[in-house]
Amino acid sequence: ARQAGISEVYLHQVFAGRRRPSRDRLLCICLGVEATLDEAQ
C-alpha cells in the first residue's frame, strides 16, 4: 500500500474483491508489486 501510494484499507478491499481499482490505481499497484510491463499489460 505504501509503495503503491494507496491506503491499506483500500488495498485490502481490492484483494477481498470488494473494490475494483481504477486504471490509474491498478497501475499504482503494478508499480508497488514491481510487475513487469507484460504483467501490467
PDB file of all heavy atoms in Angstrom:
ATOM      1  N   ALA A   1       0.837  -1.203   0.000  1.00  0.00           N
ATOM      2  CA  ALA A   1       0.000   0.000   0.000  1.00  0.00           C
ATOM      3  C   ALA A   1       0.872   1.254   0.000  1.00  0.00           C
ATOM      4  O   ALA A   1       0.616   2.207  -0.744  1.00  0.00           O
ATOM      5  CB  ALA A   1      -0.943  -0.007   1.201  1.00  0.00           C
ATOM      6  N   ARG A   2       1.929   1.247   0.816  1.00  0.00           N
ATOM      7  CA  ARG A   2       2.834   2.395   0.878  1.00  0.00           C
ATOM      8  C   ARG A   2       3.514   2.611  -0.473  1.00  0.00           C
ATOM      9  O   ARG A   2       3.553   3.728  -0.991  1.00  0.00           O
ATOM     10  CB  ARG A   2       3.879   2.197   1.983  1.00  0.00           C
ATOM     11  CG  ARG A   2       4.724   3.443   2.241  1.00  0.00           C
ATOM     12  CD  ARG A   2       5.875   3.186   3.189  1.00  0.00           C
ATOM     13  NE  ARG A   2       6.866   2.263   2.671  1.00  0.00           N
ATOM     14  CZ  ARG A   2       7.717   2.533   1.677  1.00  0.00           C
ATOM     15  NH1 ARG A   2       7.695   3.704   1.077  1.00  0.00           N
ATOM     16  NH2 ARG A   2       8.594   1.650   1.260  1.00  0.00           N
ATOM     17  N   GLN A   3       4.037   1.541  -1.070  1.00  0.00           N
ATOM     18  CA  GLN A   3       4.737   1.656  -2.355  1.00  0.00           C
ATOM     19  C   GLN A   3       3.790   2.059  -3.486  1.00  0.00           C
ATOM     20  O   GLN A   3       4.201   2.707  -4.445  1.00  0.00           O
ATOM     21  CB  GLN A   3       5.431   0.343  -2.703  1.00  0.00           C
ATOM     22  CG  GLN A   3       6.627   0.050  -1.836  1.00  0.00           C
ATOM     23  CD  GLN A   3       7.319  -1.264  -2.215  1.00  0.00           C
ATOM     24  OE1 GLN A   3       7.018  -1.891  -3.223  1.00  0.00           O
ATOM     25  NE2 GLN A   3       8.246  -1.666  -1.380  1.00  0.00           N
ATOM     26  N   ALA A   4       2.518   1.662  -3.377  1.00  0.00           N
ATOM     27  CA  ALA A   4       1.534   1.975  -4.414  1.00  0.00           C
ATOM     28  C   ALA A   4       0.848   3.322  -4.186  1.00  0.00           C
ATOM     29  O   ALA A   4       0.058   3.759  -5.018  1.00  0.00           O
ATOM     30  CB  ALA A   4       0.487   0.860  -4.487  1.00  0.00           C
ATOM     31  N   GLY A   5       1.121   3.952  -3.051  1.00  0.00           N
ATOM     32  CA  GLY A   5       0.524   5.254  -2.782  1.00  0.00           C
ATOM     33  C   GLY A   5      -0.963   5.200  -2.511  1.00  0.00           C
ATOM     34  O   GLY A   5      -1.677   6.154  -2.807  1.00  0.00           O
ATOM     35  N   ILE A   6      -1.440   4.090  -1.962  1.00  0.00           N
ATOM     36  CA  ILE A   6      -2.863   3.944  -1.647  1.00  0.00           C
ATOM     37  C   ILE A   6      -3.013   3.524  -0.196  1.00  0.00           C
ATOM     38  O   ILE A   6      -2.057   3.069   0.429  1.00  0.00           O
ATOM     39  CB  ILE A   6      -3.563   2.925  -2.585  1.00  0.00           C
ATOM     40  CG1 ILE A   6      -2.915   1.547  -2.481  1.00  0.00           C
ATOM     41  CG2 ILE A   6      -3.557   3.406  -4.010  1.00  0.00           C
ATOM     42  CD1 ILE A   6      -3.579   0.490  -3.336  1.00  0.00           C
ATOM     43  N   SER A   7      -4.200   3.677   0.330  1.00  0.00           N
ATOM     44  CA  SER A   7      -4.420   3.309   1.729  1.00  0.00           C
ATOM     45  C   SER A   7      -4.449   1.798   1.886  1.00  0.00           C
ATOM     46  O   SER A   7      -4.831   1.059   0.974  1.00  0.00           O
ATOM     47  CB  SER A   7      -5.724   3.915   2.258  1.00  0.00           C
ATOM     48  OG  SER A   7      -6.832   3.154   1.831  1.00  0.00           O
ATOM     49  N   GLU A   8      -4.042   1.361   3.051  1.00  0.00           N
ATOM     50  CA  GLU A   8      -4.038  -0.067   3.351  1.00  0.00           C
ATOM     51  C   GLU A   8      -5.456  -0.629   3.331  1.00  0.00           C
ATOM     52  O   GLU A   8      -5.688  -1.734   2.850  1.00  0.00           O
ATOM     53  CB  GLU A   8      -3.381  -0.292   4.718  1.00  0.00           C
ATOM     54  CG  GLU A   8      -2.964  -1.703   4.969  1.00  0.00           C
ATOM     55  CD  GLU A   8      -2.177  -1.851   6.257  1.00  0.00           C
ATOM     56  OE1 GLU A   8      -1.585  -0.876   6.745  1.00  0.00           O
ATOM     57  OE2 GLU A   8      -2.192  -2.984   6.776  1.00  0.00           O
ATOM     58  N   VAL A   9      -6.415   0.146   3.823  1.00  0.00           N
ATOM     59  CA  VAL A   9      -7.816  -0.290   3.833  1.00  0.00           C
ATOM     60  C   VAL A   9      -8.299  -0.515   2.396  1.00  0.00           C
ATOM     61  O   VAL A   9      -8.909  -1.540   2.087  1.00  0.00           O
ATOM     62  CB  VAL A   9      -8.712   0.739   4.563  1.00  0.00           C
ATOM     63  CG1 VAL A   9     -10.182   0.426   4.370  1.00  0.00           C
ATOM     64  CG2 VAL A   9      -8.346   0.813   6.030  1.00  0.00           C
ATOM     65  N   TYR A  10      -8.003   0.439   1.519  1.00  0.00           N
ATOM     66  CA  TYR A  10      -8.403   0.310   0.112  1.00  0.00           C
ATOM     67  C   TYR A  10      -7.770  -0.936  -0.506  1.00  0.00           C
ATOM     68  O   TYR A  10      -8.441  -1.696  -1.204  1.00  0.00           O
ATOM     69  CB  TYR A  10      -7.995   1.568  -0.659  1.00  0.00           C
ATOM     70  CG  TYR A  10      -8.335   1.517  -2.126  1.00  0.00           C
ATOM     71  CD1 TYR A  10      -9.602   1.864  -2.579  1.00  0.00           C
ATOM     72  CD2 TYR A  10      -7.391   1.117  -3.067  1.00  0.00           C
ATOM     73  CE1 TYR A  10      -9.925   1.818  -3.927  1.00  0.00           C
ATOM     74  CE2 TYR A  10      -7.708   1.066  -4.416  1.00  0.00           C
ATOM     75  CZ  TYR A  10      -8.971   1.412  -4.836  1.00  0.00           C
ATOM     76  OH  TYR A  10      -9.294   1.360  -6.159  1.00  0.00           O
ATOM     77  N   LEU A  11      -6.491  -1.148  -0.252  1.00  0.00           N
ATOM     78  CA  LEU A  11      -5.802  -2.304  -0.814  1.00  0.00           C
ATOM     79  C   LEU A  11      -6.438  -3.614  -0.335  1.00  0.00           C
ATOM     80  O   LEU A  11      -6.656  -4.528  -1.131  1.00  0.00           O
ATOM     81  CB  LEU A  11      -4.318  -2.278  -0.456  1.00  0.00           C
ATOM     82  CG  LEU A  11      -3.497  -3.388  -1.103  1.00  0.00           C
ATOM     83  CD1 LEU A  11      -3.421  -3.203  -2.605  1.00  0.00           C
ATOM     84  CD2 LEU A  11      -2.101  -3.420  -0.507  1.00  0.00           C
ATOM     85  N   HIS A  12      -6.759  -3.696   0.949  1.00  0.00           N
ATOM     86  CA  HIS A  12      -7.415  -4.893   1.476  1.00  0.00           C
ATOM     87  C   HIS A  12      -8.771  -5.107   0.798  1.00  0.00           C
ATOM     88  O   HIS A  12      -9.151  -6.244   0.504  1.00  0.00           O
ATOM     89  CB  HIS A  12      -7.577  -4.809   3.003  1.00  0.00           C
ATOM     90  CG  HIS A  12      -6.325  -5.140   3.744  1.00  0.00           C
ATOM     91  ND1 HIS A  12      -5.879  -6.436   3.914  1.00  0.00           N
ATOM     92  CD2 HIS A  12      -5.420  -4.349   4.356  1.00  0.00           C
ATOM     93  CE1 HIS A  12      -4.747  -6.425   4.605  1.00  0.00           C
ATOM     94  NE2 HIS A  12      -4.455  -5.171   4.875  1.00  0.00           N
ATOM     95  N   GLN A  13      -9.485  -4.015   0.532  1.00  0.00           N
ATOM     96  CA  GLN A  13     -10.779  -4.126  -0.153  1.00  0.00           C
ATOM     97  C   GLN A  13     -10.603  -4.638  -1.586  1.00  0.00           C
ATOM     98  O   GLN A  13     -11.413  -5.420  -2.068  1.00  0.00           O
ATOM     99  CB  GLN A  13     -11.497  -2.775  -0.145  1.00  0.00           C
ATOM    100  CG  GLN A  13     -11.966  -2.367   1.225  1.00  0.00           C
ATOM    101  CD  GLN A  13     -12.512  -0.950   1.258  1.00  0.00           C
ATOM    102  OE1 GLN A  13     -12.221  -0.137   0.378  1.00  0.00           O
ATOM    103  NE2 GLN A  13     -13.300  -0.651   2.277  1.00  0.00           N
ATOM    104  N   VAL A  14      -9.531  -4.218  -2.255  1.00  0.00           N
ATOM    105  CA  VAL A  14      -9.249  -4.704  -3.608  1.00  0.00           C
ATOM    106  C   VAL A  14      -8.990  -6.204  -3.570  1.00  0.00           C
ATOM    107  O   VAL A  14      -9.571  -6.972  -4.339  1.00  0.00           O
ATOM    108  CB  VAL A  14      -8.042  -3.951  -4.229  1.00  0.00           C
ATOM    109  CG1 VAL A  14      -7.567  -4.641  -5.503  1.00  0.00           C
ATOM    110  CG2 VAL A  14      -8.407  -2.497  -4.515  1.00  0.00           C
ATOM    111  N   PHE A  15      -8.122  -6.638  -2.654  1.00  0.00           N
ATOM    112  CA  PHE A  15      -7.783  -8.058  -2.567  1.00  0.00           C
ATOM    113  C   PHE A  15      -8.966  -8.908  -2.107  1.00  0.00           C
ATOM    114  O   PHE A  15      -9.026 -10.093  -2.417  1.00  0.00           O
ATOM    115  CB  PHE A  15      -6.567  -8.275  -1.667  1.00  0.00           C
ATOM    116  CG  PHE A  15      -5.258  -8.093  -2.381  1.00  0.00           C
ATOM    117  CD1 PHE A  15      -4.589  -6.878  -2.333  1.00  0.00           C
ATOM    118  CD2 PHE A  15      -4.697  -9.125  -3.120  1.00  0.00           C
ATOM    119  CE1 PHE A  15      -3.381  -6.699  -2.997  1.00  0.00           C
ATOM    120  CE2 PHE A  15      -3.506  -8.955  -3.804  1.00  0.00           C
ATOM    121  CZ  PHE A  15      -2.844  -7.739  -3.735  1.00  0.00           C
ATOM    122  N   ALA A  16      -9.891  -8.315  -1.392  1.00  0.00           N
ATOM    123  CA  ALA A  16     -11.096  -9.042  -0.961  1.00  0.00           C
ATOM    124  C   ALA A  16     -12.166  -9.048  -2.049  1.00  0.00           C
ATOM    125  O   ALA A  16     -13.192  -9.705  -1.908  1.00  0.00           O
ATOM    126  CB  ALA A  16     -11.654  -8.413   0.321  1.00  0.00           C
ATOM    127  N   GLY A  17     -11.932  -8.311  -3.134  1.00  0.00           N
ATOM    128  CA  GLY A  17     -12.900  -8.260  -4.223  1.00  0.00           C
ATOM    129  C   GLY A  17     -14.043  -7.291  -3.984  1.00  0.00           C
ATOM    130  O   GLY A  17     -15.017  -7.279  -4.731  1.00  0.00           O
ATOM    131  N   ARG A  18     -13.928  -6.460  -2.946  1.00  0.00           N
ATOM    132  CA  ARG A  18     -14.999  -5.504  -2.648  1.00  0.00           C
ATOM    133  C   ARG A  18     -14.821  -4.175  -3.381  1.00  0.00           C
ATOM    134  O   ARG A  18     -15.754  -3.382  -3.465  1.00  0.00           O
ATOM    135  CB  ARG A  18     -15.081  -5.261  -1.140  1.00  0.00           C
ATOM    136  CG  ARG A  18     -15.576  -6.482  -0.373  1.00  0.00           C
ATOM    137  CD  ARG A  18     -15.941  -6.167   1.065  1.00  0.00           C
ATOM    138  NE  ARG A  18     -14.925  -5.451   1.798  1.00  0.00           N
ATOM    139  CZ  ARG A  18     -13.964  -6.021   2.540  1.00  0.00           C
ATOM    140  NH1 ARG A  18     -13.894  -7.335   2.634  1.00  0.00           N
ATOM    141  NH2 ARG A  18     -13.099  -5.285   3.196  1.00  0.00           N
ATOM    142  N   ARG A  19     -13.623  -3.916  -3.862  1.00  0.00           N
ATOM    143  CA  ARG A  19     -13.357  -2.688  -4.630  1.00  0.00           C
ATOM    144  C   ARG A  19     -12.685  -3.074  -5.936  1.00  0.00           C
ATOM    145  O   ARG A  19     -11.869  -3.982  -5.977  1.00  0.00           O
ATOM    146  CB  ARG A  19     -12.408  -1.750  -3.860  1.00  0.00           C
ATOM    147  CG  ARG A  19     -12.917  -1.200  -2.558  1.00  0.00           C
ATOM    148  CD  ARG A  19     -13.933  -0.102  -2.719  1.00  0.00           C
ATOM    149  NE  ARG A  19     -13.474   1.078  -3.360  1.00  0.00           N
ATOM    150  CZ  ARG A  19     -13.168   2.217  -2.744  1.00  0.00           C
ATOM    151  NH1 ARG A  19     -13.251   2.304  -1.444  1.00  0.00           N
ATOM    152  NH2 ARG A  19     -12.784   3.259  -3.439  1.00  0.00           N
ATOM    153  N   ARG A  20     -13.022  -2.357  -6.981  1.00  0.00           N
ATOM    154  CA  ARG A  20     -12.371  -2.539  -8.277  1.00  0.00           C
ATOM    155  C   ARG A  20     -11.533  -1.300  -8.525  1.00  0.00           C
ATOM    156  O   ARG A  20     -12.081  -0.197  -8.661  1.00  0.00           O
ATOM    157  CB  ARG A  20     -13.422  -2.708  -9.368  1.00  0.00           C
ATOM    158  CG  ARG A  20     -12.832  -2.949 -10.732  1.00  0.00           C
ATOM    159  CD  ARG A  20     -13.957  -3.200 -11.745  1.00  0.00           C
ATOM    160  NE  ARG A  20     -13.419  -3.496 -13.047  1.00  0.00           N
ATOM    161  CZ  ARG A  20     -13.163  -2.582 -13.982  1.00  0.00           C
ATOM    162  NH1 ARG A  20     -13.411  -1.311 -13.745  1.00  0.00           N
ATOM    163  NH2 ARG A  20     -12.676  -2.956 -15.144  1.00  0.00           N
ATOM    164  N   PRO A  21     -10.225  -1.460  -8.579  1.00  0.00           N
ATOM    165  CA  PRO A  21      -9.392  -0.265  -8.741  1.00  0.00           C
ATOM    166  C   PRO A  21      -9.572   0.379 -10.114  1.00  0.00           C
ATOM    167  O   PRO A  21      -9.819  -0.309 -11.107  1.00  0.00           O
ATOM    168  CB  PRO A  21      -7.964  -0.798  -8.577  1.00  0.00           C
ATOM    169  CG  PRO A  21      -8.044  -2.246  -8.903  1.00  0.00           C
ATOM    170  CD  PRO A  21      -9.429  -2.681  -8.528  1.00  0.00           C
ATOM    171  N   SER A  22      -9.466   1.688 -10.142  1.00  0.00           N
ATOM    172  CA  SER A  22      -9.470   2.408 -11.421  1.00  0.00           C
ATOM    173  C   SER A  22      -8.201   2.013 -12.178  1.00  0.00           C
ATOM    174  O   SER A  22      -7.289   1.384 -11.634  1.00  0.00           O
ATOM    175  CB  SER A  22      -9.472   3.912 -11.179  1.00  0.00           C
ATOM    176  OG  SER A  22      -8.233   4.304 -10.589  1.00  0.00           O
ATOM    177  N   ARG A  23      -8.131   2.396 -13.424  1.00  0.00           N
ATOM    178  CA  ARG A  23      -6.947   2.070 -14.229  1.00  0.00           C
ATOM    179  C   ARG A  23      -5.686   2.639 -13.593  1.00  0.00           C
ATOM    180  O   ARG A  23      -4.672   1.957 -13.485  1.00  0.00           O
ATOM    181  CB  ARG A  23      -7.127   2.611 -15.650  1.00  0.00           C
ATOM    182  CG  ARG A  23      -5.995   2.237 -16.600  1.00  0.00           C
ATOM    183  CD  ARG A  23      -6.346   2.709 -18.013  1.00  0.00           C
ATOM    184  NE  ARG A  23      -5.371   2.284 -18.988  1.00  0.00           N
ATOM    185  CZ  ARG A  23      -4.327   3.025 -19.364  1.00  0.00           C
ATOM    186  NH1 ARG A  23      -4.140   4.236 -18.841  1.00  0.00           N
ATOM    187  NH2 ARG A  23      -3.485   2.569 -20.277  1.00  0.00           N
ATOM    188  N   ASP A  24      -5.743   3.909 -13.168  1.00  0.00           N
ATOM    189  CA  ASP A  24      -4.567   4.525 -12.554  1.00  0.00           C
ATOM    190  C   ASP A  24      -4.196   3.855 -11.238  1.00  0.00           C
ATOM    191  O   ASP A  24      -3.014   3.650 -10.952  1.00  0.00           O
ATOM    192  CB  ASP A  24      -4.785   6.029 -12.346  1.00  0.00           C
ATOM    193  CG  ASP A  24      -4.637   6.827 -13.631  1.00  0.00           C
ATOM    194  OD1 ASP A  24      -4.247   6.248 -14.673  1.00  0.00           O
ATOM    195  OD2 ASP A  24      -4.902   8.048 -13.589  1.00  0.00           O
ATOM    196  N   ARG A  25      -5.183   3.514 -10.432  1.00  0.00           N
ATOM    197  CA  ARG A  25      -4.896   2.823  -9.158  1.00  0.00           C
ATOM    198  C   ARG A  25      -4.296   1.443  -9.418  1.00  0.00           C
ATOM    199  O   ARG A  25      -3.402   1.003  -8.705  1.00  0.00           O
ATOM    200  CB  ARG A  25      -6.153   2.695  -8.297  1.00  0.00           C
ATOM    201  CG  ARG A  25      -6.599   3.990  -7.707  1.00  0.00           C
ATOM    202  CD  ARG A  25      -5.637   4.438  -6.644  1.00  0.00           C
ATOM    203  NE  ARG A  25      -6.116   5.680  -6.088  1.00  0.00           N
ATOM    204  CZ  ARG A  25      -5.318   6.595  -5.577  1.00  0.00           C
ATOM    205  NH1 ARG A  25      -4.036   6.415  -5.524  1.00  0.00           N
ATOM    206  NH2 ARG A  25      -5.813   7.710  -5.101  1.00  0.00           N
ATOM    207  N   LEU A  26      -4.791   0.763 -10.444  1.00  0.00           N
ATOM    208  CA  LEU A  26      -4.232  -0.542 -10.787  1.00  0.00           C
ATOM    209  C   LEU A  26      -2.780  -0.398 -11.237  1.00  0.00           C
ATOM    210  O   LEU A  26      -1.929  -1.211 -10.875  1.00  0.00           O
ATOM    211  CB  LEU A  26      -5.077  -1.215 -11.873  1.00  0.00           C
ATOM    212  CG  LEU A  26      -4.684  -2.646 -12.243  1.00  0.00           C
ATOM    213  CD1 LEU A  26      -4.675  -3.565 -11.020  1.00  0.00           C
ATOM    214  CD2 LEU A  26      -5.633  -3.189 -13.304  1.00  0.00           C
ATOM    215  N   LEU A  27      -2.486   0.656 -11.986  1.00  0.00           N
ATOM    216  CA  LEU A  27      -1.103   0.910 -12.384  1.00  0.00           C
ATOM    217  C   LEU A  27      -0.225   1.197 -11.162  1.00  0.00           C
ATOM    218  O   LEU A  27       0.921   0.747 -11.100  1.00  0.00           O
ATOM    219  CB  LEU A  27      -1.038   2.069 -13.387  1.00  0.00           C
ATOM    220  CG  LEU A  27      -1.527   1.713 -14.791  1.00  0.00           C
ATOM    221  CD1 LEU A  27      -1.745   2.977 -15.618  1.00  0.00           C
ATOM    222  CD2 LEU A  27      -0.551   0.762 -15.483  1.00  0.00           C
ATOM    223  N   CYS A  28      -0.764   1.908 -10.189  1.00  0.00           N
ATOM    224  CA  CYS A  28      -0.022   2.154  -8.943  1.00  0.00           C
ATOM    225  C   CYS A  28       0.282   0.833  -8.240  1.00  0.00           C
ATOM    226  O   CYS A  28       1.401   0.624  -7.740  1.00  0.00           O
ATOM    227  CB  CYS A  28      -0.815   3.066  -8.009  1.00  0.00           C
ATOM    228  SG  CYS A  28      -0.945   4.778  -8.544  1.00  0.00           S
ATOM    229  N   ILE A  29      -0.688  -0.065  -8.209  1.00  0.00           N
ATOM    230  CA  ILE A  29      -0.484  -1.368  -7.578  1.00  0.00           C
ATOM    231  C   ILE A  29       0.559  -2.168  -8.367  1.00  0.00           C
ATOM    232  O   ILE A  29       1.419  -2.829  -7.780  1.00  0.00           O
ATOM    233  CB  ILE A  29      -1.818  -2.132  -7.437  1.00  0.00           C
ATOM    234  CG1 ILE A  29      -2.744  -1.396  -6.461  1.00  0.00           C
ATOM    235  CG2 ILE A  29      -1.570  -3.561  -6.955  1.00  0.00           C
ATOM    236  CD1 ILE A  29      -4.177  -1.922  -6.423  1.00  0.00           C
ATOM    237  N   CYS A  30       0.507  -2.087  -9.691  1.00  0.00           N
ATOM    238  CA  CYS A  30       1.516  -2.753 -10.521  1.00  0.00           C
ATOM    239  C   CYS A  30       2.918  -2.268 -10.163  1.00  0.00           C
ATOM    240  O   CYS A  30       3.858  -3.064 -10.056  1.00  0.00           O
ATOM    241  CB  CYS A  30       1.260  -2.486 -12.004  1.00  0.00           C
ATOM    242  SG  CYS A  30      -0.145  -3.365 -12.695  1.00  0.00           S
ATOM    243  N   LEU A  31       3.033  -0.967  -9.979  1.00  0.00           N
ATOM    244  CA  LEU A  31       4.331  -0.414  -9.579  1.00  0.00           C
ATOM    245  C   LEU A  31       4.730  -0.912  -8.195  1.00  0.00           C
ATOM    246  O   LEU A  31       5.896  -1.213  -7.951  1.00  0.00           O
ATOM    247  CB  LEU A  31       4.286   1.118  -9.618  1.00  0.00           C
ATOM    248  CG  LEU A  31       4.247   1.711 -11.024  1.00  0.00           C
ATOM    249  CD1 LEU A  31       3.699   3.124 -11.005  1.00  0.00           C
ATOM    250  CD2 LEU A  31       5.632   1.656 -11.652  1.00  0.00           C
ATOM    251  N   GLY A  32       3.763  -1.017  -7.302  1.00  0.00           N
ATOM    252  CA  GLY A  32       4.039  -1.487  -5.945  1.00  0.00           C
ATOM    253  C   GLY A  32       4.526  -2.925  -5.896  1.00  0.00           C
ATOM    254  O   GLY A  32       5.401  -3.258  -5.092  1.00  0.00           O
ATOM    255  N   VAL A  33       3.978  -3.786  -6.751  1.00  0.00           N
ATOM    256  CA  VAL A  33       4.402  -5.195  -6.768  1.00  0.00           C
ATOM    257  C   VAL A  33       5.550  -5.421  -7.747  1.00  0.00           C
ATOM    258  O   VAL A  33       5.984  -6.550  -7.949  1.00  0.00           O
ATOM    259  CB  VAL A  33       3.250  -6.187  -7.083  1.00  0.00           C
ATOM    260  CG1 VAL A  33       2.191  -6.169  -6.021  1.00  0.00           C
ATOM    261  CG2 VAL A  33       2.688  -5.977  -8.462  1.00  0.00           C
ATOM    262  N   GLU A  34       6.040  -4.336  -8.346  1.00  0.00           N
ATOM    263  CA  GLU A  34       7.128  -4.391  -9.317  1.00  0.00           C
ATOM    264  C   GLU A  34       6.808  -5.345 -10.460  1.00  0.00           C
ATOM    265  O   GLU A  34       7.610  -6.196 -10.854  1.00  0.00           O
ATOM    266  CB  GLU A  34       8.454  -4.758  -8.643  1.00  0.00           C
ATOM    267  CG  GLU A  34       8.910  -3.722  -7.649  1.00  0.00           C
ATOM    268  CD  GLU A  34      10.228  -4.059  -6.989  1.00  0.00           C
ATOM    269  OE1 GLU A  34      10.625  -5.258  -6.973  1.00  0.00           O
ATOM    270  OE2 GLU A  34      10.883  -3.133  -6.503  1.00  0.00           O
ATOM    271  N   ALA A  35       5.601  -5.210 -10.991  1.00  0.00           N
ATOM    272  CA  ALA A  35       5.193  -6.015 -12.139  1.00  0.00           C
ATOM    273  C   ALA A  35       6.038  -5.645 -13.348  1.00  0.00           C
ATOM    274  O   ALA A  35       6.473  -4.501 -13.485  1.00  0.00           O
ATOM    275  CB  ALA A  35       3.710  -5.772 -12.443  1.00  0.00           C
ATOM    276  N   THR A  36       6.265  -6.605 -14.213  1.00  0.00           N
ATOM    277  CA  THR A  36       6.919  -6.307 -15.484  1.00  0.00           C
ATOM    278  C   THR A  36       5.901  -5.586 -16.357  1.00  0.00           C
ATOM    279  O   THR A  36       4.703  -5.565 -16.057  1.00  0.00           O
ATOM    280  CB  THR A  36       7.361  -7.593 -16.202  1.00  0.00           C
ATOM    281  OG1 THR A  36       6.197  -8.353 -16.556  1.00  0.00           O
ATOM    282  CG2 THR A  36       8.301  -8.428 -15.327  1.00  0.00           C
ATOM    283  N   LEU A  37       6.358  -5.027 -17.467  1.00  0.00           N
ATOM    284  CA  LEU A  37       5.428  -4.359 -18.370  1.00  0.00           C
ATOM    285  C   LEU A  37       4.411  -5.364 -18.910  1.00  0.00           C
ATOM    286  O   LEU A  37       3.218  -5.057 -18.989  1.00  0.00           O
ATOM    287  CB  LEU A  37       6.164  -3.670 -19.516  1.00  0.00           C
ATOM    288  CG  LEU A  37       5.278  -2.875 -20.480  1.00  0.00           C
ATOM    289  CD1 LEU A  37       4.495  -1.785 -19.749  1.00  0.00           C
ATOM    290  CD2 LEU A  37       6.116  -2.272 -21.595  1.00  0.00           C
ATOM    291  N   ASP A  38       4.854  -6.566 -19.259  1.00  0.00           N
ATOM    292  CA  ASP A  38       3.922  -7.589 -19.747  1.00  0.00           C
ATOM    293  C   ASP A  38       2.880  -7.939 -18.690  1.00  0.00           C
ATOM    294  O   ASP A  38       1.698  -8.086 -19.007  1.00  0.00           O
ATOM    295  CB  ASP A  38       4.670  -8.855 -20.169  1.00  0.00           C
ATOM    296  CG  ASP A  38       5.406  -8.690 -21.482  1.00  0.00           C
ATOM    297  OD1 ASP A  38       5.093  -7.757 -22.243  1.00  0.00           O
ATOM    298  OD2 ASP A  38       6.298  -9.524 -21.756  1.00  0.00           O
ATOM    299  N   GLU A  39       3.301  -8.073 -17.436  1.00  0.00           N
ATOM    300  CA  GLU A  39       2.361  -8.377 -16.356  1.00  0.00           C
ATOM    301  C   GLU A  39       1.374  -7.240 -16.143  1.00  0.00           C
ATOM    302  O   GLU A  39       0.178  -7.476 -15.951  1.00  0.00           O
ATOM    303  CB  GLU A  39       3.121  -8.671 -15.059  1.00  0.00           C
ATOM    304  CG  GLU A  39       3.909  -9.962 -15.088  1.00  0.00           C
ATOM    305  CD  GLU A  39       4.913 -10.099 -13.967  1.00  0.00           C
ATOM    306  OE1 GLU A  39       5.336  -9.073 -13.377  1.00  0.00           O
ATOM    307  OE2 GLU A  39       5.302 -11.249 -13.680  1.00  0.00           O
ATOM    308  N   ALA A  40       1.870  -6.003 -16.204  1.00  0.00           N
ATOM    309  CA  ALA A  40       0.986  -4.843 -16.043  1.00  0.00           C
ATOM    310  C   ALA A  40      -0.030  -4.784 -17.190  1.00  0.00           C
ATOM    311  O   ALA A  40      -1.221  -4.542 -16.955  1.00  0.00           O
ATOM    312  CB  ALA A  40       1.812  -3.557 -15.993  1.00  0.00           C
ATOM    313  N   GLN A  41       0.433  -5.033 -18.411  1.00  0.00           N
ATOM    314  CA  GLN A  41      -0.477  -5.014 -19.561  1.00  0.00           C
ATOM    315  C   GLN A  41      -1.539  -6.105 -19.418  1.00  0.00           C
ATOM    316  O   GLN A  41      -2.716  -5.887 -19.715  1.00  0.00           O
ATOM    317  CB  GLN A  41       0.295  -5.212 -20.875  1.00  0.00           C
ATOM    318  CG  GLN A  41       1.319  -4.118 -21.173  1.00  0.00           C
ATOM    319  CD  GLN A  41       0.724  -2.805 -21.615  1.00  0.00           C
ATOM    320  OE1 GLN A  41      -0.199  -2.283 -20.998  1.00  0.00           O
ATOM    321  NE2 GLN A  41       1.266  -2.238 -22.679  1.00  0.00           N
TER     322      GLN A  41
END
